[in-house]
PDB file of N, CA and C in Angstrom:
ATOM      1  N   MET A   1     -54.211 -14.648 -15.694  1.00  0.00           N
ATOM      2  CA  MET A   1     -53.891 -13.289 -16.088  1.00  0.00           C
ATOM      3  C   MET A   1     -52.916 -12.653 -15.100  1.00  0.00           C
ATOM      4  N   LEU A   2     -53.156 -12.851 -13.812  1.00  0.00           N
ATOM      5  CA  LEU A   2     -52.292 -12.287 -12.787  1.00  0.00           C
ATOM      6  C   LEU A   2     -50.874 -12.843 -12.893  1.00  0.00           C
ATOM      7  N   ALA A   3     -50.767 -14.145 -13.191  1.00  0.00           N
ATOM      8  CA  ALA A   3     -49.452 -14.772 -13.337  1.00  0.00           C
ATOM      9  C   ALA A   3     -48.681 -14.160 -14.498  1.00  0.00           C
ATOM     10  N   VAL A   4     -49.364 -13.842 -15.569  1.00  0.00           N
ATOM     11  CA  VAL A   4     -48.719 -13.224 -16.727  1.00  0.00           C
ATOM     12  C   VAL A   4     -48.218 -11.832 -16.369  1.00  0.00           C
ATOM     13  N   LEU A   5     -49.033 -11.048 -15.674  1.00  0.00           N
ATOM     14  CA  LEU A   5     -48.606  -9.711 -15.255  1.00  0.00           C
ATOM     15  C   LEU A   5     -47.449  -9.783 -14.280  1.00  0.00           C
ATOM     16  N   PHE A   6     -47.494 -10.737 -13.368  1.00  0.00           N
ATOM     17  CA  PHE A   6     -46.408 -10.913 -12.404  1.00  0.00           C
ATOM     18  C   PHE A   6     -45.106 -11.265 -13.122  1.00  0.00           C
ATOM     19  N   ALA A   7     -45.158 -12.199 -14.053  1.00  0.00           N
ATOM     20  CA  ALA A   7     -43.973 -12.592 -14.818  1.00  0.00           C
ATOM     21  C   ALA A   7     -43.455 -11.428 -15.644  1.00  0.00           C
ATOM     22  N   PHE A   8     -44.348 -10.662 -16.229  1.00  0.00           N
ATOM     23  CA  PHE A   8     -43.946  -9.494 -17.010  1.00  0.00           C
ATOM     24  C   PHE A   8     -43.267  -8.467 -16.124  1.00  0.00           C
ATOM     25  N   GLY A   9     -43.765  -8.275 -14.913  1.00  0.00           N
ATOM     26  CA  GLY A   9     -43.165  -7.335 -13.965  1.00  0.00           C
ATOM     27  C   GLY A   9     -41.759  -7.725 -13.578  1.00  0.00           C
ATOM     28  N   ILE A  10     -41.537  -9.017 -13.353  1.00  0.00           N
ATOM     29  CA  ILE A  10     -40.194  -9.498 -13.020  1.00  0.00           C
ATOM     30  C   ILE A  10     -39.253  -9.280 -14.187  1.00  0.00           C
ATOM     31  N   LYS A  11     -39.727  -9.554 -15.394  1.00  0.00           N
ATOM     32  CA  LYS A  11     -38.893  -9.368 -16.580  1.00  0.00           C
ATOM     33  C   LYS A  11     -38.531  -7.896 -16.755  1.00  0.00           C
ATOM     34  N   GLN A  12     -39.480  -7.008 -16.528  1.00  0.00           N
ATOM     35  CA  GLN A  12     -39.234  -5.569 -16.638  1.00  0.00           C
ATOM     36  C   GLN A  12     -38.197  -5.120 -15.623  1.00  0.00           C
ATOM     37  N   ALA A  13     -38.335  -5.585 -14.378  1.00  0.00           N
ATOM     38  CA  ALA A  13     -37.410  -5.166 -13.319  1.00  0.00           C
ATOM     39  C   ALA A  13     -35.993  -5.634 -13.616  1.00  0.00           C
ATOM     40  N   SER A  14     -35.844  -6.870 -14.081  1.00  0.00           N
ATOM     41  CA  SER A  14     -34.501  -7.368 -14.350  1.00  0.00           C
ATOM     42  C   SER A  14     -33.898  -6.701 -15.593  1.00  0.00           C
ATOM     43  N   ALA A  15     -34.735  -6.243 -16.497  1.00  0.00           N
ATOM     44  CA  ALA A  15     -34.238  -5.586 -17.705  1.00  0.00           C
ATOM     45  C   ALA A  15     -33.636  -4.224 -17.387  1.00  0.00           C
ATOM     46  N   GLN A  16     -34.021  -3.620 -16.270  1.00  0.00           N
ATOM     47  CA  GLN A  16     -33.522  -2.304 -15.907  1.00  0.00           C
ATOM     48  C   GLN A  16     -32.232  -2.365 -15.093  1.00  0.00           C
ATOM     49  N   ARG A  17     -31.738  -3.540 -14.785  1.00  0.00           N
ATOM     50  CA  ARG A  17     -30.532  -3.671 -13.978  1.00  0.00           C
ATOM     51  C   ARG A  17     -29.335  -3.160 -14.772  1.00  0.00           C
ATOM     52  N   LEU A  18     -28.654  -2.182 -14.208  1.00  0.00           N
ATOM     53  CA  LEU A  18     -27.519  -1.550 -14.885  1.00  0.00           C
ATOM     54  C   LEU A  18     -26.215  -1.833 -14.145  1.00  0.00           C
ATOM     55  N   SER A  19     -25.131  -1.845 -14.898  1.00  0.00           N
ATOM     56  CA  SER A  19     -23.796  -2.021 -14.322  1.00  0.00           C
ATOM     57  C   SER A  19     -23.110  -0.669 -14.196  1.00  0.00           C
ATOM     58  N   PHE A  20     -22.436  -0.492 -13.080  1.00  0.00           N
ATOM     59  CA  PHE A  20     -21.666   0.722 -12.816  1.00  0.00           C
ATOM     60  C   PHE A  20     -20.301   0.325 -12.267  1.00  0.00           C
ATOM     61  N   TYR A  21     -19.302   1.155 -12.526  1.00  0.00           N
ATOM     62  CA  TYR A  21     -18.036   1.037 -11.822  1.00  0.00           C
ATOM     63  C   TYR A  21     -18.068   2.072 -10.713  1.00  0.00           C
ATOM     64  N   PHE A  22     -17.677   1.666  -9.520  1.00  0.00           N
ATOM     65  CA  PHE A  22     -17.615   2.581  -8.388  1.00  0.00           C
ATOM     66  C   PHE A  22     -16.162   2.787  -8.006  1.00  0.00           C
ATOM     67  N   TYR A  23     -15.739   4.048  -7.938  1.00  0.00           N
ATOM     68  CA  TYR A  23     -14.384   4.428  -7.557  1.00  0.00           C
ATOM     69  C   TYR A  23     -14.459   5.062  -6.169  1.00  0.00           C
ATOM     70  N   PRO A  24     -14.194   4.277  -5.113  1.00  0.00           N
ATOM     71  CA  PRO A  24     -14.380   4.808  -3.757  1.00  0.00           C
ATOM     72  C   PRO A  24     -13.439   5.947  -3.387  1.00  0.00           C
ATOM     73  N   SER A  25     -12.256   5.996  -3.942  1.00  0.00           N
ATOM     74  CA  SER A  25     -11.320   7.064  -3.578  1.00  0.00           C
ATOM     75  C   SER A  25     -11.823   8.437  -4.002  1.00  0.00           C
ATOM     76  N   ALA A  26     -12.641   8.477  -5.053  1.00  0.00           N
ATOM     77  CA  ALA A  26     -13.202   9.745  -5.537  1.00  0.00           C
ATOM     78  C   ALA A  26     -14.714   9.814  -5.327  1.00  0.00           C
ATOM     79  N   ASN A  27     -15.325   8.739  -4.831  1.00  0.00           N
ATOM     80  CA  ASN A  27     -16.772   8.637  -4.660  1.00  0.00           C
ATOM     81  C   ASN A  27     -17.489   8.940  -5.981  1.00  0.00           C
ATOM     82  N   VAL A  28     -17.051   8.226  -7.026  1.00  0.00           N
ATOM     83  CA  VAL A  28     -17.550   8.437  -8.384  1.00  0.00           C
ATOM     84  C   VAL A  28     -18.078   7.120  -8.935  1.00  0.00           C
ATOM     85  N   TYR A  29     -19.169   7.212  -9.691  1.00  0.00           N
ATOM     86  CA  TYR A  29     -19.718   6.071 -10.420  1.00  0.00           C
ATOM     87  C   TYR A  29     -19.539   6.310 -11.916  1.00  0.00           C
ATOM     88  N   TYR A  30     -19.361   5.209 -12.651  1.00  0.00           N
ATOM     89  CA  TYR A  30     -19.322   5.264 -14.107  1.00  0.00           C
ATOM     90  C   TYR A  30     -20.392   4.316 -14.622  1.00  0.00           C
ATOM     91  N   ASN A  31     -21.331   4.827 -15.405  1.00  0.00           N
ATOM     92  CA  ASN A  31     -22.403   4.024 -15.986  1.00  0.00           C
ATOM     93  C   ASN A  31     -21.854   3.349 -17.243  1.00  0.00           C
ATOM     94  N   VAL A  32     -21.710   2.040 -17.195  1.00  0.00           N
ATOM     95  CA  VAL A  32     -21.103   1.288 -18.291  1.00  0.00           C
ATOM     96  C   VAL A  32     -21.944   1.396 -19.569  1.00  0.00           C
ATOM     97  N   ALA A  33     -23.260   1.408 -19.447  1.00  0.00           N
ATOM     98  CA  ALA A  33     -24.142   1.442 -20.619  1.00  0.00           C
ATOM     99  C   ALA A  33     -24.171   2.812 -21.291  1.00  0.00           C
ATOM    100  N   SER A  34     -24.256   3.872 -20.506  1.00  0.00           N
ATOM    101  CA  SER A  34     -24.406   5.216 -21.090  1.00  0.00           C
ATOM    102  C   SER A  34     -23.089   5.975 -21.205  1.00  0.00           C
ATOM    103  N   HIS A  35     -22.024   5.441 -20.598  1.00  0.00           N
ATOM    104  CA  HIS A  35     -20.700   6.068 -20.613  1.00  0.00           C
ATOM    105  C   HIS A  35     -20.699   7.428 -19.915  1.00  0.00           C
ATOM    106  N   ASP A  36     -21.495   7.554 -18.861  1.00  0.00           N
ATOM    107  CA  ASP A  36     -21.560   8.781 -18.065  1.00  0.00           C
ATOM    108  C   ASP A  36     -20.947   8.546 -16.694  1.00  0.00           C
ATOM    109  N   TYR A  37     -20.417   9.623 -16.123  1.00  0.00           N
ATOM    110  CA  TYR A  37     -19.920   9.603 -14.750  1.00  0.00           C
ATOM    111  C   TYR A  37     -20.943  10.281 -13.844  1.00  0.00           C
ATOM    112  N   LEU A  38     -21.030   9.821 -12.607  1.00  0.00           N
ATOM    113  CA  LEU A  38     -21.867  10.458 -11.600  1.00  0.00           C
ATOM    114  C   LEU A  38     -20.977  10.796 -10.413  1.00  0.00           C
ATOM    115  N   TYR A  39     -21.027  12.032  -9.970  1.00  0.00           N
ATOM    116  CA  TYR A  39     -20.247  12.429  -8.800  1.00  0.00           C
ATOM    117  C   TYR A  39     -21.053  13.410  -7.962  1.00  0.00           C
ATOM    118  N   TYR A  40     -20.686  13.500  -6.691  1.00  0.00           N
ATOM    119  CA  TYR A  40     -21.404  14.333  -5.733  1.00  0.00           C
ATOM    120  C   TYR A  40     -20.752  15.702  -5.667  1.00  0.00           C
ATOM    121  N   ASP A  41     -21.565  16.743  -5.853  1.00  0.00           N
ATOM    122  CA  ASP A  41     -21.025  18.100  -5.841  1.00  0.00           C
ATOM    123  C   ASP A  41     -22.058  19.055  -5.243  1.00  0.00           C
ATOM    124  N   ALA A  42     -21.679  19.733  -4.195  1.00  0.00           N
ATOM    125  CA  ALA A  42     -22.503  20.776  -3.569  1.00  0.00           C
ATOM    126  C   ALA A  42     -23.904  20.283  -3.215  1.00  0.00           C
ATOM    127  N   GLY A  43     -23.981  19.073  -2.648  1.00  0.00           N
ATOM    128  CA  GLY A  43     -25.254  18.564  -2.170  1.00  0.00           C
ATOM    129  C   GLY A  43     -26.123  17.862  -3.186  1.00  0.00           C
ATOM    130  N   THR A  44     -25.622  17.638  -4.392  1.00  0.00           N
ATOM    131  CA  THR A  44     -26.421  16.954  -5.417  1.00  0.00           C
ATOM    132  C   THR A  44     -25.520  16.055  -6.265  1.00  0.00           C
ATOM    133  N   TRP A  45     -26.115  15.026  -6.848  1.00  0.00           N
ATOM    134  CA  TRP A  45     -25.381  14.143  -7.743  1.00  0.00           C
ATOM    135  C   TRP A  45     -25.454  14.699  -9.157  1.00  0.00           C
ATOM    136  N   VAL A  46     -24.300  14.768  -9.795  1.00  0.00           N
ATOM    137  CA  VAL A  46     -24.170  15.361 -11.129  1.00  0.00           C
ATOM    138  C   VAL A  46     -23.785  14.257 -12.115  1.00  0.00           C
ATOM    139  N   THR A  47     -24.396  14.268 -13.291  1.00  0.00           N
ATOM    140  CA  THR A  47     -24.078  13.316 -14.359  1.00  0.00           C
ATOM    141  C   THR A  47     -23.380  14.064 -15.485  1.00  0.00           C
ATOM    142  N   VAL A  48     -22.179  13.579 -15.858  1.00  0.00           N
ATOM    143  CA  VAL A  48     -21.382  14.236 -16.911  1.00  0.00           C
ATOM    144  C   VAL A  48     -20.733  13.175 -17.791  1.00  0.00           C
ATOM    145  N   ARG A  49     -20.332  13.579 -18.973  1.00  0.00           N
ATOM    146  CA  ARG A  49     -19.581  12.690 -19.876  1.00  0.00           C
ATOM    147  C   ARG A  49     -18.105  12.650 -19.499  1.00  0.00           C
ATOM    148  N   THR A  50     -17.588  13.787 -19.051  1.00  0.00           N
ATOM    149  CA  THR A  50     -16.182  13.903 -18.681  1.00  0.00           C
ATOM    150  C   THR A  50     -16.091  14.491 -17.282  1.00  0.00           C
ATOM    151  N   LEU A  51     -15.276  13.883 -16.446  1.00  0.00           N
ATOM    152  CA  LEU A  51     -15.119  14.391 -15.085  1.00  0.00           C
ATOM    153  C   LEU A  51     -14.342  15.703 -15.077  1.00  0.00           C
ATOM    154  N   PRO A  52     -14.626  16.580 -14.121  1.00  0.00           N
ATOM    155  CA  PRO A  52     -13.826  17.798 -14.006  1.00  0.00           C
ATOM    156  C   PRO A  52     -12.370  17.449 -13.673  1.00  0.00           C
ATOM    157  N   ALA A  53     -11.476  18.329 -14.003  1.00  0.00           N
ATOM    158  CA  ALA A  53     -10.042  18.092 -13.788  1.00  0.00           C
ATOM    159  C   ALA A  53      -9.704  17.895 -12.312  1.00  0.00           C
ATOM    160  N   THR A  54     -10.556  18.355 -11.434  1.00  0.00           N
ATOM    161  CA  THR A  54     -10.298  18.225  -9.996  1.00  0.00           C
ATOM    162  C   THR A  54     -10.580  16.817  -9.464  1.00  0.00           C
ATOM    163  N   ILE A  55     -11.233  15.978 -10.262  1.00  0.00           N
ATOM    164  CA  ILE A  55     -11.528  14.601  -9.856  1.00  0.00           C
ATOM    165  C   ILE A  55     -10.683  13.653 -10.693  1.00  0.00           C
ATOM    166  N   VAL A  56      -9.822  12.908 -10.025  1.00  0.00           N
ATOM    167  CA  VAL A  56      -8.904  12.000 -10.717  1.00  0.00           C
ATOM    168  C   VAL A  56      -9.186  10.574 -10.263  1.00  0.00           C
ATOM    169  N   ILE A  57      -9.406   9.673 -11.214  1.00  0.00           N
ATOM    170  CA  ILE A  57      -9.666   8.273 -10.880  1.00  0.00           C
ATOM    171  C   ILE A  57      -8.645   7.319 -11.497  1.00  0.00           C
ATOM    172  N   ASN A  58      -7.634   7.829 -12.145  1.00  0.00           N
ATOM    173  CA  ASN A  58      -6.610   6.979 -12.748  1.00  0.00           C
ATOM    174  C   ASN A  58      -5.891   6.177 -11.677  1.00  0.00           C
ATOM    175  N   ARG A  59      -5.669   4.924 -11.974  1.00  0.00           N
ATOM    176  CA  ARG A  59      -4.917   4.020 -11.110  1.00  0.00           C
ATOM    177  C   ARG A  59      -5.500   3.862  -9.712  1.00  0.00           C
ATOM    178  N   THR A  60      -6.790   3.978  -9.602  1.00  0.00           N
ATOM    179  CA  THR A  60      -7.444   3.724  -8.324  1.00  0.00           C
ATOM    180  C   THR A  60      -8.312   2.478  -8.470  1.00  0.00           C
ATOM    181  N   PRO A  61      -8.510   1.743  -7.392  1.00  0.00           N
ATOM    182  CA  PRO A  61      -9.364   0.549  -7.494  1.00  0.00           C
ATOM    183  C   PRO A  61     -10.788   0.913  -7.884  1.00  0.00           C
ATOM    184  N   ARG A  62     -11.400   0.044  -8.659  1.00  0.00           N
ATOM    185  CA  ARG A  62     -12.805   0.223  -9.012  1.00  0.00           C
ATOM    186  C   ARG A  62     -13.530  -1.085  -8.734  1.00  0.00           C
ATOM    187  N   TYR A  63     -14.811  -0.968  -8.452  1.00  0.00           N
ATOM    188  CA  TYR A  63     -15.628  -2.124  -8.136  1.00  0.00           C
ATOM    189  C   TYR A  63     -16.880  -2.073  -8.996  1.00  0.00           C
ATOM    190  N   THR A  64     -17.312  -3.204  -9.507  1.00  0.00           N
ATOM    191  CA  THR A  64     -18.533  -3.265 -10.292  1.00  0.00           C
ATOM    192  C   THR A  64     -19.710  -3.410  -9.331  1.00  0.00           C
ATOM    193  N   VAL A  65     -20.681  -2.511  -9.471  1.00  0.00           N
ATOM    194  CA  VAL A  65     -21.904  -2.570  -8.676  1.00  0.00           C
ATOM    195  C   VAL A  65     -23.086  -2.565  -9.636  1.00  0.00           C
ATOM    196  N   TYR A  66     -24.207  -3.077  -9.189  1.00  0.00           N
ATOM    197  CA  TYR A  66     -25.408  -3.173 -10.013  1.00  0.00           C
ATOM    198  C   TYR A  66     -26.551  -2.447  -9.314  1.00  0.00           C
ATOM    199  N   TYR A  67     -27.421  -1.858 -10.122  1.00  0.00           N
ATOM    200  CA  TYR A  67     -28.581  -1.169  -9.558  1.00  0.00           C
ATOM    201  C   TYR A  67     -29.720  -1.234 -10.571  1.00  0.00           C
ATOM    202  N   ASN A  68     -30.923  -1.352 -10.076  1.00  0.00           N
ATOM    203  CA  ASN A  68     -32.105  -1.388 -10.948  1.00  0.00           C
ATOM    204  C   ASN A  68     -32.504   0.034 -11.302  1.00  0.00           C
ATOM    205  N   GLY A  69     -31.862   0.590 -12.298  1.00  0.00           N
ATOM    206  CA  GLY A  69     -32.127   1.955 -12.740  1.00  0.00           C
ATOM    207  C   GLY A  69     -30.871   2.797 -12.678  1.00  0.00           C
ATOM    208  N   PRO A  70     -30.950   4.030 -13.135  1.00  0.00           N
ATOM    209  CA  PRO A  70     -29.772   4.895 -13.217  1.00  0.00           C
ATOM    210  C   PRO A  70     -29.397   5.599 -11.915  1.00  0.00           C
ATOM    211  N   GLU A  71     -30.223   5.485 -10.877  1.00  0.00           N
ATOM    212  CA  GLU A  71     -29.969   6.233  -9.635  1.00  0.00           C
ATOM    213  C   GLU A  71     -29.156   5.415  -8.634  1.00  0.00           C
ATOM    214  N   VAL A  72     -28.011   4.919  -9.073  1.00  0.00           N
ATOM    215  CA  VAL A  72     -27.149   4.072  -8.249  1.00  0.00           C
ATOM    216  C   VAL A  72     -26.682   4.797  -6.988  1.00  0.00           C
ATOM    217  N   TRP A  73     -26.618   6.107  -7.031  1.00  0.00           N
ATOM    218  CA  TRP A  73     -26.162   6.899  -5.887  1.00  0.00           C
ATOM    219  C   TRP A  73     -27.054   6.709  -4.663  1.00  0.00           C
ATOM    220  N   ARG A  74     -28.259   6.190  -4.851  1.00  0.00           N
ATOM    221  CA  ARG A  74     -29.147   5.934  -3.704  1.00  0.00           C
ATOM    222  C   ARG A  74     -28.537   4.916  -2.742  1.00  0.00           C
ATOM    223  N   ASP A  75     -27.654   4.063  -3.240  1.00  0.00           N
ATOM    224  CA  ASP A  75     -26.950   3.088  -2.400  1.00  0.00           C
ATOM    225  C   ASP A  75     -25.530   3.536  -2.064  1.00  0.00           C
ATOM    226  N   ASN A  76     -25.248   4.806  -2.187  1.00  0.00           N
ATOM    227  CA  ASN A  76     -23.889   5.298  -1.975  1.00  0.00           C
ATOM    228  C   ASN A  76     -23.364   5.006  -0.569  1.00  0.00           C
ATOM    229  N   GLY A  77     -24.199   5.163   0.438  1.00  0.00           N
ATOM    230  CA  GLY A  77     -23.766   4.857   1.806  1.00  0.00           C
ATOM    231  C   GLY A  77     -23.343   3.406   1.948  1.00  0.00           C
ATOM    232  N   LEU A  78     -24.096   2.511   1.350  1.00  0.00           N
ATOM    233  CA  LEU A  78     -23.767   1.091   1.358  1.00  0.00           C
ATOM    234  C   LEU A  78     -22.451   0.840   0.622  1.00  0.00           C
ATOM    235  N   HIS A  79     -22.300   1.437  -0.552  1.00  0.00           N
ATOM    236  CA  HIS A  79     -21.084   1.241  -1.350  1.00  0.00           C
ATOM    237  C   HIS A  79     -19.848   1.809  -0.653  1.00  0.00           C
ATOM    238  N   ARG A  80     -19.988   2.979  -0.067  1.00  0.00           N
ATOM    239  CA  ARG A  80     -18.835   3.582   0.623  1.00  0.00           C
ATOM    240  C   ARG A  80     -18.404   2.752   1.819  1.00  0.00           C
ATOM    241  N   GLY A  81     -19.381   2.129   2.489  1.00  0.00           N
ATOM    242  CA  GLY A  81     -19.043   1.269   3.623  1.00  0.00           C
ATOM    243  C   GLY A  81     -18.410  -0.042   3.195  1.00  0.00           C
ATOM    244  N   LYS A  82     -18.916  -0.601   2.118  1.00  0.00           N
ATOM    245  CA  LYS A  82     -18.425  -1.893   1.639  1.00  0.00           C
ATOM    246  C   LYS A  82     -17.079  -1.783   0.922  1.00  0.00           C
ATOM    247  N   TYR A  83     -16.909  -0.721   0.140  1.00  0.00           N
ATOM    248  CA  TYR A  83     -15.689  -0.546  -0.656  1.00  0.00           C
ATOM    249  C   TYR A  83     -14.957   0.697  -0.175  1.00  0.00           C
ATOM    250  N   LYS A  84     -14.355   0.613   0.980  1.00  0.00           N
ATOM    251  CA  LYS A  84     -13.667   1.778   1.541  1.00  0.00           C
ATOM    252  C   LYS A  84     -12.473   2.154   0.677  1.00  0.00           C
ATOM    253  N   ALA A  85     -12.250   3.450   0.589  1.00  0.00           N
ATOM    254  CA  ALA A  85     -11.114   3.943  -0.193  1.00  0.00           C
ATOM    255  C   ALA A  85      -9.821   3.507   0.480  1.00  0.00           C
ATOM    256  N   ARG A  86      -8.927   3.003  -0.320  1.00  0.00           N
ATOM    257  CA  ARG A  86      -7.619   2.597   0.197  1.00  0.00           C
ATOM    258  C   ARG A  86      -6.677   3.779   0.144  1.00  0.00           C
ATOM    259  N   LYS A  87      -5.874   3.898   1.178  1.00  0.00           N
ATOM    260  CA  LYS A  87      -4.877   4.964   1.186  1.00  0.00           C
ATOM    261  C   LYS A  87      -3.711   4.534   0.315  1.00  0.00           C
ATOM    262  N   THR A  88      -3.214   5.471  -0.464  1.00  0.00           N
ATOM    263  CA  THR A  88      -2.076   5.154  -1.315  1.00  0.00           C
ATOM    264  C   THR A  88      -0.793   5.269  -0.506  1.00  0.00           C
ATOM    265  N   LYS A  89       0.137   4.409  -0.822  1.00  0.00           N
ATOM    266  CA  LYS A  89       1.412   4.423  -0.113  1.00  0.00           C
ATOM    267  C   LYS A  89       2.310   5.503  -0.694  1.00  0.00           C
ATOM    268  N   VAL A  90       3.011   6.188   0.179  1.00  0.00           N
ATOM    269  CA  VAL A  90       3.958   7.212  -0.243  1.00  0.00           C
ATOM    270  C   VAL A  90       5.349   6.688   0.063  1.00  0.00           C
ATOM    271  N   TYR A  91       6.149   6.624  -0.970  1.00  0.00           N
ATOM    272  CA  TYR A  91       7.506   6.145  -0.815  1.00  0.00           C
ATOM    273  C   TYR A  91       8.461   7.325  -0.837  1.00  0.00           C
ATOM    274  N   LYS A  92       9.334   7.370   0.149  1.00  0.00           N
ATOM    275  CA  LYS A  92      10.319   8.455   0.206  1.00  0.00           C
ATOM    276  C   LYS A  92      11.574   8.018  -0.531  1.00  0.00           C
ATOM    277  N   SER A  93      12.136   8.951  -1.226  1.00  0.00           N
ATOM    278  CA  SER A  93      13.348   8.684  -1.973  1.00  0.00           C
ATOM    279  C   SER A  93      14.567   8.911  -1.107  1.00  0.00           C
ATOM    280  N   ASN A  94      15.573   8.071  -1.278  1.00  0.00           N
ATOM    281  CA  ASN A  94      16.832   8.251  -0.568  1.00  0.00           C
ATOM    282  C   ASN A  94      17.869   8.924  -1.453  1.00  0.00           C
ATOM    283  N   LYS A  95      17.433   9.509  -2.551  1.00  0.00           N
ATOM    284  CA  LYS A  95      18.367  10.155  -3.471  1.00  0.00           C
ATOM    285  C   LYS A  95      19.106  11.286  -2.767  1.00  0.00           C
ATOM    286  N   GLY A  96      20.380  11.322  -3.010  1.00  0.00           N
ATOM    287  CA  GLY A  96      21.175  12.416  -2.481  1.00  0.00           C
ATOM    288  C   GLY A  96      21.601  12.216  -1.038  1.00  0.00           C
ATOM    289  N   LYS A  97      21.195  11.160  -0.419  1.00  0.00           N
ATOM    290  CA  LYS A  97      21.578  10.906   0.975  1.00  0.00           C
ATOM    291  C   LYS A  97      22.636   9.828   0.986  1.00  0.00           C
ATOM    292  N   GLY A  98      23.801  10.206   1.447  1.00  0.00           N
ATOM    293  CA  GLY A  98      24.914   9.253   1.493  1.00  0.00           C
ATOM    294  C   GLY A  98      24.796   8.334   2.693  1.00  0.00           C
ATOM    295  N   ARG A  99      25.522   7.268   2.651  1.00  0.00           N
ATOM    296  CA  ARG A  99      25.510   6.312   3.758  1.00  0.00           C
ATOM    297  C   ARG A  99      26.719   6.507   4.657  1.00  0.00           C
ATOM    298  N   GLY A 100      27.515   7.423   4.383  1.00  0.00           N
ATOM    299  CA  GLY A 100      28.784   7.519   5.090  1.00  0.00           C
ATOM    300  C   GLY A 100      28.823   8.417   6.183  1.00  0.00           C
TER     301      GLY A 100
END
C-alpha cells in the first residue's frame, strides 16, 4: 500500500511541472501553459495576460525554466544569477561626418 501511495505521489509531483520562459532583461516570466506573464512590481509578483507598456521583452534573450507549480518566482534569485541580463550594444552612426 505504501509503495502505491509513494508512486502516486511521484506521479502527482511530476504532473505539476510547468514550463516558463524567463526574460532576464525585464525579470519577467511567461507561463507557457496558461499564457500569463509574471513580473515584479512594488514588492509583489503580479500575473497578467498582457504586460504593461513600460515592460518590453521584444528581441531579448529568453530561457526556458521549469518549476513544480505556478510560483516560479520563488526561484527568481537563482534564475537571475544563472541567466544574467545581457547589455545591448549601442552602435553610433557616422552619418553626416565627413572624412576630409
